[in-house]
Amino acid sequence: MTKLSIWGGATGRTLRVHWMCHELALDYEPVLIGSRTGATTTREFRALNPKEKIPVLVDDEFVLTESAAIITYLGDTYGQDSGLVPTPSTKDRARYDEWLSFVQMELDAHTLYVIRKHRDLVDLYGDAPAAIEAAIKGFNKQIAVAEIALLDTDYLVGNQFTAADIMLTSVLLWAKSYQFDLTTRLSEYSHLHSSRRAYKSAAKLNFSISAGA
C-alpha cells in the first residue's frame, strides 16, 4: 500500500512537491484538490491542515505542510543519494536553505502572491493597484539577484540540479504566466529545467485540475 500522499494541485506551489516526487520516482498517491474550491475547508482536510492550504504531504502518520519544507523532507528522507537536497550541516545545505528562503519570501509571498491576491482574487482581498505595482517592481529587482547567480551556471547550488532549482523554476514559470518580461538568461534557465522528464510528468498531473477562484 502506498504510504505517501500529496494533497493539492493546479498551483505553482503544489507543482513543486509533485515535481520532487517525480524526480525521486516515488510511489505516492496524488489527491488533486484545488485551492478555494471548498475542498480545503472540509473536516477531513482541516484535520490534516487547519491552515486550509495546499500542498500537504502525508507520510504514514506524519503530516507536513509548506512546499519548501516538503521538498526538503522528501529529499532528506527518500533521496539521500540523489543530490537533490544537499547533506545537512554543509555549506551547500546552508546555501540551499538560503535560496529556498529567498524564493519563498521575495519571489513568491512578497511579490507574485501579492499580485494574485489583488488581481486574480480581487473579490476576496480588494483592489490595490499600488500594491500590485510595488510587487511588480519588487519581483523585477529581486529576480535580478538570481540572474547574477546564474550567469556562469545552470544551478543555484553546487554543480548539479537540486530542489532549489525546482523552487526557482516554479516561480519563473509563474512570472511568465503573469506576463513578466524575463531576461534571456532566466528564460534559458527555466526552459532547461522545465524540459526535464520529471517536470513534464508532474506538471501534466498537477495542472490536470482547475485551481478554483
C-alpha atoms as a PDB file:
ATOM      1  CA  MET A   1       0.000   0.000   0.000  1.00  0.00           C
ATOM      2  CA  THR A   2       1.245   3.468  -0.887  1.00  0.00           C
ATOM      3  CA  LYS A   3       2.017   5.328   2.302  1.00  0.00           C
ATOM      4  CA  LEU A   4       2.837   8.687   0.739  1.00  0.00           C
ATOM      5  CA  SER A   5       0.189  11.094  -0.464  1.00  0.00           C
ATOM      6  CA  ILE A   6       0.328  14.650  -1.731  1.00  0.00           C
ATOM      7  CA  TRP A   7      -2.780  16.771  -1.329  1.00  0.00           C
ATOM      8  CA  GLY A   8      -3.224  19.616  -3.767  1.00  0.00           C
ATOM      9  CA  GLY A   9      -2.893  20.515  -7.403  1.00  0.00           C
ATOM     10  CA  ALA A  10      -3.254  23.245 -10.018  1.00  0.00           C
ATOM     11  CA  THR A  11      -0.865  25.780  -8.433  1.00  0.00           C
ATOM     12  CA  GLY A  12       2.839  26.524  -8.708  1.00  0.00           C
ATOM     13  CA  ARG A  13       3.272  25.671  -5.058  1.00  0.00           C
ATOM     14  CA  THR A  14       1.730  22.224  -5.436  1.00  0.00           C
ATOM     15  CA  LEU A  15       3.729  21.677  -8.618  1.00  0.00           C
ATOM     16  CA  ARG A  16       6.938  21.819  -6.572  1.00  0.00           C
ATOM     17  CA  VAL A  17       6.096  18.804  -4.450  1.00  0.00           C
ATOM     18  CA  HIS A  18       4.733  16.701  -7.318  1.00  0.00           C
ATOM     19  CA  TRP A  19       7.874  17.552  -9.289  1.00  0.00           C
ATOM     20  CA  MET A  20      10.090  16.470  -6.400  1.00  0.00           C
ATOM     21  CA  CYS A  21       8.215  13.184  -6.098  1.00  0.00           C
ATOM     22  CA  HIS A  22       8.680  12.552  -9.813  1.00  0.00           C
ATOM     23  CA  GLU A  23      12.392  13.395  -9.655  1.00  0.00           C
ATOM     24  CA  LEU A  24      12.725  10.813  -6.887  1.00  0.00           C
ATOM     25  CA  ALA A  25      10.489   8.302  -8.707  1.00  0.00           C
ATOM     26  CA  LEU A  26       8.392   7.910  -5.574  1.00  0.00           C
ATOM     27  CA  ASP A  27       5.268   5.806  -5.447  1.00  0.00           C
ATOM     28  CA  TYR A  28       2.704   8.187  -3.988  1.00  0.00           C
ATOM     29  CA  GLU A  29      -0.982   8.978  -4.133  1.00  0.00           C
ATOM     30  CA  PRO A  30      -1.852  12.387  -5.614  1.00  0.00           C
ATOM     31  CA  VAL A  31      -5.008  13.825  -4.059  1.00  0.00           C
ATOM     32  CA  LEU A  32      -5.687  16.553  -6.588  1.00  0.00           C
ATOM     33  CA  ILE A  33      -7.778  19.134  -4.808  1.00  0.00           C
ATOM     34  CA  GLY A  34      -7.685  22.791  -5.770  1.00  0.00           C
ATOM     35  CA  SER A  35      -7.440  25.869  -3.599  1.00  0.00           C
ATOM     36  CA  ARG A  36     -10.641  27.834  -2.935  1.00  0.00           C
ATOM     37  CA  THR A  37     -12.814  25.057  -4.331  1.00  0.00           C
ATOM     38  CA  GLY A  38     -14.240  24.130  -0.943  1.00  0.00           C
ATOM     39  CA  ALA A  39     -12.046  21.047  -0.752  1.00  0.00           C
ATOM     40  CA  THR A  40      -9.643  22.635   1.729  1.00  0.00           C
ATOM     41  CA  THR A  41     -12.413  23.569   4.153  1.00  0.00           C
ATOM     42  CA  THR A  42     -13.768  20.067   4.699  1.00  0.00           C
ATOM     43  CA  ARG A  43     -13.446  18.407   8.084  1.00  0.00           C
ATOM     44  CA  GLU A  44     -11.178  15.742   6.580  1.00  0.00           C
ATOM     45  CA  PHE A  45      -8.741  18.254   5.128  1.00  0.00           C
ATOM     46  CA  ARG A  46      -8.771  20.572   8.128  1.00  0.00           C
ATOM     47  CA  ALA A  47      -7.766  17.600  10.276  1.00  0.00           C
ATOM     48  CA  LEU A  48      -4.601  17.455   8.149  1.00  0.00           C
ATOM     49  CA  ASN A  49      -4.016  21.179   7.811  1.00  0.00           C
ATOM     50  CA  PRO A  50      -6.099  23.674   9.809  1.00  0.00           C
ATOM     51  CA  LYS A  51      -4.467  26.440   7.749  1.00  0.00           C
ATOM     52  CA  GLU A  52      -6.690  25.254   4.858  1.00  0.00           C
ATOM     53  CA  LYS A  53      -3.764  25.495   2.442  1.00  0.00           C
ATOM     54  CA  ILE A  54      -2.177  23.192  -0.104  1.00  0.00           C
ATOM     55  CA  PRO A  55       0.131  21.373  -0.622  1.00  0.00           C
ATOM     56  CA  VAL A  56       0.115  18.845   2.189  1.00  0.00           C
ATOM     57  CA  LEU A  57       2.290  15.743   2.486  1.00  0.00           C
ATOM     58  CA  VAL A  58       1.078  12.701   4.386  1.00  0.00           C
ATOM     59  CA  ASP A  59       3.722  10.062   5.110  1.00  0.00           C
ATOM     60  CA  ASP A  60       2.066   7.368   7.204  1.00  0.00           C
ATOM     61  CA  GLU A  61       1.034   9.335  10.286  1.00  0.00           C
ATOM     62  CA  PHE A  62       3.395  12.226   9.645  1.00  0.00           C
ATOM     63  CA  VAL A  63       1.803  15.321   8.103  1.00  0.00           C
ATOM     64  CA  LEU A  64       3.850  18.205   6.697  1.00  0.00           C
ATOM     65  CA  THR A  65       2.834  21.466   5.035  1.00  0.00           C
ATOM     66  CA  GLU A  66       4.625  24.253   3.114  1.00  0.00           C
ATOM     67  CA  SER A  67       6.172  23.386  -0.245  1.00  0.00           C
ATOM     68  CA  ALA A  68       9.785  24.239   0.665  1.00  0.00           C
ATOM     69  CA  ALA A  69       9.622  22.098   3.795  1.00  0.00           C
ATOM     70  CA  ILE A  70       8.019  19.212   1.911  1.00  0.00           C
ATOM     71  CA  ILE A  71      10.539  19.020  -0.918  1.00  0.00           C
ATOM     72  CA  THR A  72      13.398  19.195   1.558  1.00  0.00           C
ATOM     73  CA  TYR A  73      11.900  16.437   3.701  1.00  0.00           C
ATOM     74  CA  LEU A  74      11.386  14.243   0.640  1.00  0.00           C
ATOM     75  CA  GLY A  75      14.991  14.697  -0.420  1.00  0.00           C
ATOM     76  CA  ASP A  76      16.367  14.061   3.044  1.00  0.00           C
ATOM     77  CA  THR A  77      14.166  11.030   3.621  1.00  0.00           C
ATOM     78  CA  TYR A  78      13.901   9.342   0.234  1.00  0.00           C
ATOM     79  CA  GLY A  79      16.716  10.781  -1.841  1.00  0.00           C
ATOM     80  CA  GLN A  80      19.848  10.840   0.259  1.00  0.00           C
ATOM     81  CA  ASP A  81      21.935   9.726  -2.715  1.00  0.00           C
ATOM     82  CA  SER A  82      20.107  11.785  -5.334  1.00  0.00           C
ATOM     83  CA  GLY A  83      21.852  15.094  -4.657  1.00  0.00           C
ATOM     84  CA  LEU A  84      18.516  16.871  -4.909  1.00  0.00           C
ATOM     85  CA  VAL A  85      18.904  18.174  -1.354  1.00  0.00           C
ATOM     86  CA  PRO A  86      22.427  18.807  -0.054  1.00  0.00           C
ATOM     87  CA  THR A  87      23.697  16.986   3.014  1.00  0.00           C
ATOM     88  CA  PRO A  88      22.753  18.675   6.305  1.00  0.00           C
ATOM     89  CA  SER A  89      25.431  20.694   8.133  1.00  0.00           C
ATOM     90  CA  THR A  90      27.324  21.522   4.953  1.00  0.00           C
ATOM     91  CA  LYS A  91      27.898  24.850   3.242  1.00  0.00           C
ATOM     92  CA  ASP A  92      25.928  23.613   0.235  1.00  0.00           C
ATOM     93  CA  ARG A  93      22.994  22.912   2.546  1.00  0.00           C
ATOM     94  CA  ALA A  94      23.239  26.393   4.014  1.00  0.00           C
ATOM     95  CA  ARG A  95      23.252  27.869   0.509  1.00  0.00           C
ATOM     96  CA  TYR A  96      20.299  25.662  -0.427  1.00  0.00           C
ATOM     97  CA  ASP A  97      18.357  26.888   2.609  1.00  0.00           C
ATOM     98  CA  GLU A  98      19.217  30.469   1.690  1.00  0.00           C
ATOM     99  CA  TRP A  99      17.815  30.082  -1.819  1.00  0.00           C
ATOM    100  CA  LEU A 100      14.640  28.373  -0.634  1.00  0.00           C
ATOM    101  CA  SER A 101      14.006  31.184   1.838  1.00  0.00           C
ATOM    102  CA  PHE A 102      14.704  33.790  -0.834  1.00  0.00           C
ATOM    103  CA  VAL A 103      12.395  32.230  -3.404  1.00  0.00           C
ATOM    104  CA  GLN A 104       9.646  31.567  -0.900  1.00  0.00           C
ATOM    105  CA  MET A 105       9.629  35.077   0.549  1.00  0.00           C
ATOM    106  CA  GLU A 106      10.970  37.564  -2.003  1.00  0.00           C
ATOM    107  CA  LEU A 107       9.702  35.962  -5.219  1.00  0.00           C
ATOM    108  CA  ASP A 108       6.588  34.150  -4.052  1.00  0.00           C
ATOM    109  CA  ALA A 109       4.916  35.588  -0.950  1.00  0.00           C
ATOM    110  CA  HIS A 110       6.030  39.235  -1.184  1.00  0.00           C
ATOM    111  CA  THR A 111       5.595  39.724  -4.914  1.00  0.00           C
ATOM    112  CA  LEU A 112       3.838  37.154  -7.114  1.00  0.00           C
ATOM    113  CA  TYR A 113       1.290  36.220  -4.477  1.00  0.00           C
ATOM    114  CA  VAL A 114       0.521  39.881  -3.817  1.00  0.00           C
ATOM    115  CA  ILE A 115      -0.358  40.180  -7.499  1.00  0.00           C
ATOM    116  CA  ARG A 116      -2.529  37.082  -7.277  1.00  0.00           C
ATOM    117  CA  LYS A 117      -4.343  38.411  -4.210  1.00  0.00           C
ATOM    118  CA  HIS A 118      -5.159  41.830  -5.599  1.00  0.00           C
ATOM    119  CA  ARG A 119      -5.741  40.872  -9.231  1.00  0.00           C
ATOM    120  CA  ASP A 120      -6.868  37.258  -9.505  1.00  0.00           C
ATOM    121  CA  LEU A 121      -8.592  37.234  -6.099  1.00  0.00           C
ATOM    122  CA  VAL A 122      -9.720  40.849  -6.008  1.00  0.00           C
ATOM    123  CA  ASP A 123     -13.198  39.874  -4.764  1.00  0.00           C
ATOM    124  CA  LEU A 124     -11.610  38.431  -1.640  1.00  0.00           C
ATOM    125  CA  TYR A 125      -8.722  40.803  -0.976  1.00  0.00           C
ATOM    126  CA  GLY A 126      -9.770  44.038  -2.644  1.00  0.00           C
ATOM    127  CA  ASP A 127      -8.406  46.159  -5.437  1.00  0.00           C
ATOM    128  CA  ALA A 128      -4.936  47.511  -4.627  1.00  0.00           C
ATOM    129  CA  PRO A 129      -3.187  48.856  -7.734  1.00  0.00           C
ATOM    130  CA  ALA A 130      -0.379  50.431  -5.702  1.00  0.00           C
ATOM    131  CA  ALA A 131       0.373  47.086  -4.054  1.00  0.00           C
ATOM    132  CA  ILE A 132       0.431  45.369  -7.441  1.00  0.00           C
ATOM    133  CA  GLU A 133       2.773  47.997  -8.884  1.00  0.00           C
ATOM    134  CA  ALA A 134       5.114  47.653  -5.906  1.00  0.00           C
ATOM    135  CA  ALA A 135       5.029  43.866  -6.206  1.00  0.00           C
ATOM    136  CA  ILE A 136       5.968  44.010  -9.886  1.00  0.00           C
ATOM    137  CA  LYS A 137       8.896  46.317  -9.139  1.00  0.00           C
ATOM    138  CA  GLY A 138       9.924  44.158  -6.212  1.00  0.00           C
ATOM    139  CA  PHE A 139       9.920  40.973  -8.271  1.00  0.00           C
ATOM    140  CA  ASN A 140      11.985  42.549 -11.047  1.00  0.00           C
ATOM    141  CA  LYS A 141      14.505  43.829  -8.507  1.00  0.00           C
ATOM    142  CA  GLN A 142      14.871  40.548  -6.635  1.00  0.00           C
ATOM    143  CA  ILE A 143      14.890  38.247  -9.662  1.00  0.00           C
ATOM    144  CA  ALA A 144      17.955  40.161 -10.882  1.00  0.00           C
ATOM    145  CA  VAL A 145      19.795  38.740  -7.864  1.00  0.00           C
ATOM    146  CA  ALA A 146      19.034  35.208  -9.069  1.00  0.00           C
ATOM    147  CA  GLU A 147      20.135  36.063 -12.584  1.00  0.00           C
ATOM    148  CA  ILE A 148      23.521  37.244 -11.356  1.00  0.00           C
ATOM    149  CA  ALA A 149      23.986  33.935  -9.535  1.00  0.00           C
ATOM    150  CA  LEU A 150      23.173  32.052 -12.754  1.00  0.00           C
ATOM    151  CA  LEU A 151      25.427  33.944 -15.151  1.00  0.00           C
ATOM    152  CA  ASP A 152      28.002  31.145 -15.348  1.00  0.00           C
ATOM    153  CA  THR A 153      25.996  28.146 -14.179  1.00  0.00           C
ATOM    154  CA  ASP A 154      22.668  26.397 -14.686  1.00  0.00           C
ATOM    155  CA  TYR A 155      22.334  25.534 -10.996  1.00  0.00           C
ATOM    156  CA  LEU A 156      21.729  27.515  -7.831  1.00  0.00           C
ATOM    157  CA  VAL A 157      23.692  25.180  -5.557  1.00  0.00           C
ATOM    158  CA  GLY A 158      26.895  23.368  -6.444  1.00  0.00           C
ATOM    159  CA  ASN A 159      27.226  21.937  -9.928  1.00  0.00           C
ATOM    160  CA  GLN A 160      24.024  19.912 -10.206  1.00  0.00           C
ATOM    161  CA  PHE A 161      20.260  20.217 -10.259  1.00  0.00           C
ATOM    162  CA  THR A 162      18.699  20.479  -6.803  1.00  0.00           C
ATOM    163  CA  ALA A 163      15.312  21.202  -5.286  1.00  0.00           C
ATOM    164  CA  ALA A 164      16.385  24.842  -5.110  1.00  0.00           C
ATOM    165  CA  ASP A 165      16.143  24.836  -8.913  1.00  0.00           C
ATOM    166  CA  ILE A 166      12.656  23.366  -8.597  1.00  0.00           C
ATOM    167  CA  MET A 167      11.682  26.308  -6.405  1.00  0.00           C
ATOM    168  CA  LEU A 168      13.141  28.971  -8.675  1.00  0.00           C
ATOM    169  CA  THR A 169      11.859  27.420 -11.893  1.00  0.00           C
ATOM    170  CA  SER A 170       8.357  27.257 -10.443  1.00  0.00           C
ATOM    171  CA  VAL A 171       8.284  30.989  -9.749  1.00  0.00           C
ATOM    172  CA  LEU A 172       9.805  31.854 -13.113  1.00  0.00           C
ATOM    173  CA  LEU A 173       7.045  29.911 -14.849  1.00  0.00           C
ATOM    174  CA  TRP A 174       4.510  31.644 -12.619  1.00  0.00           C
ATOM    175  CA  ALA A 175       6.006  35.021 -13.546  1.00  0.00           C
ATOM    176  CA  LYS A 176       5.884  34.102 -17.216  1.00  0.00           C
ATOM    177  CA  SER A 177       2.175  33.319 -16.894  1.00  0.00           C
ATOM    178  CA  TYR A 178       1.785  36.824 -15.411  1.00  0.00           C
ATOM    179  CA  GLN A 179       3.447  38.305 -18.500  1.00  0.00           C
ATOM    180  CA  PHE A 180       6.706  39.296 -16.822  1.00  0.00           C
ATOM    181  CA  ASP A 181       9.408  40.024 -19.364  1.00  0.00           C
ATOM    182  CA  LEU A 182      12.096  37.579 -18.268  1.00  0.00           C
ATOM    183  CA  THR A 183      15.640  38.079 -19.477  1.00  0.00           C
ATOM    184  CA  THR A 184      17.195  35.710 -21.971  1.00  0.00           C
ATOM    185  CA  ARG A 185      19.291  34.063 -19.260  1.00  0.00           C
ATOM    186  CA  LEU A 186      16.338  33.440 -16.954  1.00  0.00           C
ATOM    187  CA  SER A 187      14.243  32.166 -19.848  1.00  0.00           C
ATOM    188  CA  GLU A 188      17.031  29.746 -20.810  1.00  0.00           C
ATOM    189  CA  TYR A 189      17.325  28.551 -17.217  1.00  0.00           C
ATOM    190  CA  SER A 190      13.596  27.943 -16.780  1.00  0.00           C
ATOM    191  CA  HIS A 191      13.342  26.242 -20.173  1.00  0.00           C
ATOM    192  CA  LEU A 192      16.254  23.936 -19.351  1.00  0.00           C
ATOM    193  CA  HIS A 193      14.741  22.696 -16.114  1.00  0.00           C
ATOM    194  CA  SER A 194      11.122  22.600 -17.284  1.00  0.00           C
ATOM    195  CA  SER A 195      12.333  20.318 -20.095  1.00  0.00           C
ATOM    196  CA  ARG A 196      13.196  17.620 -17.566  1.00  0.00           C
ATOM    197  CA  ARG A 197      11.108  14.474 -17.835  1.00  0.00           C
ATOM    198  CA  ALA A 198      10.104  14.652 -14.187  1.00  0.00           C
ATOM    199  CA  TYR A 199       8.852  18.211 -14.598  1.00  0.00           C
ATOM    200  CA  LYS A 200       6.740  17.324 -17.624  1.00  0.00           C
ATOM    201  CA  SER A 201       5.054  14.358 -15.965  1.00  0.00           C
ATOM    202  CA  ALA A 202       4.498  16.271 -12.724  1.00  0.00           C
ATOM    203  CA  ALA A 203       3.100  19.338 -14.494  1.00  0.00           C
ATOM    204  CA  LYS A 204       0.703  17.212 -16.556  1.00  0.00           C
ATOM    205  CA  LEU A 205      -0.628  15.725 -13.337  1.00  0.00           C
ATOM    206  CA  ASN A 206      -0.608  18.910 -11.273  1.00  0.00           C
ATOM    207  CA  PHE A 207      -2.412  21.044 -13.821  1.00  0.00           C
ATOM    208  CA  SER A 208      -4.993  18.426 -14.764  1.00  0.00           C
ATOM    209  CA  ILE A 209      -7.480  20.188 -12.467  1.00  0.00           C
ATOM    210  CA  SER A 210      -8.646  23.768 -12.034  1.00  0.00           C
ATOM    211  CA  ALA A 211      -7.156  25.903  -9.266  1.00  0.00           C
ATOM    212  CA  GLY A 212     -10.530  27.373  -8.336  1.00  0.00           C
ATOM    213  CA  ALA A 213     -11.491  31.001  -7.956  1.00  0.00           C
END
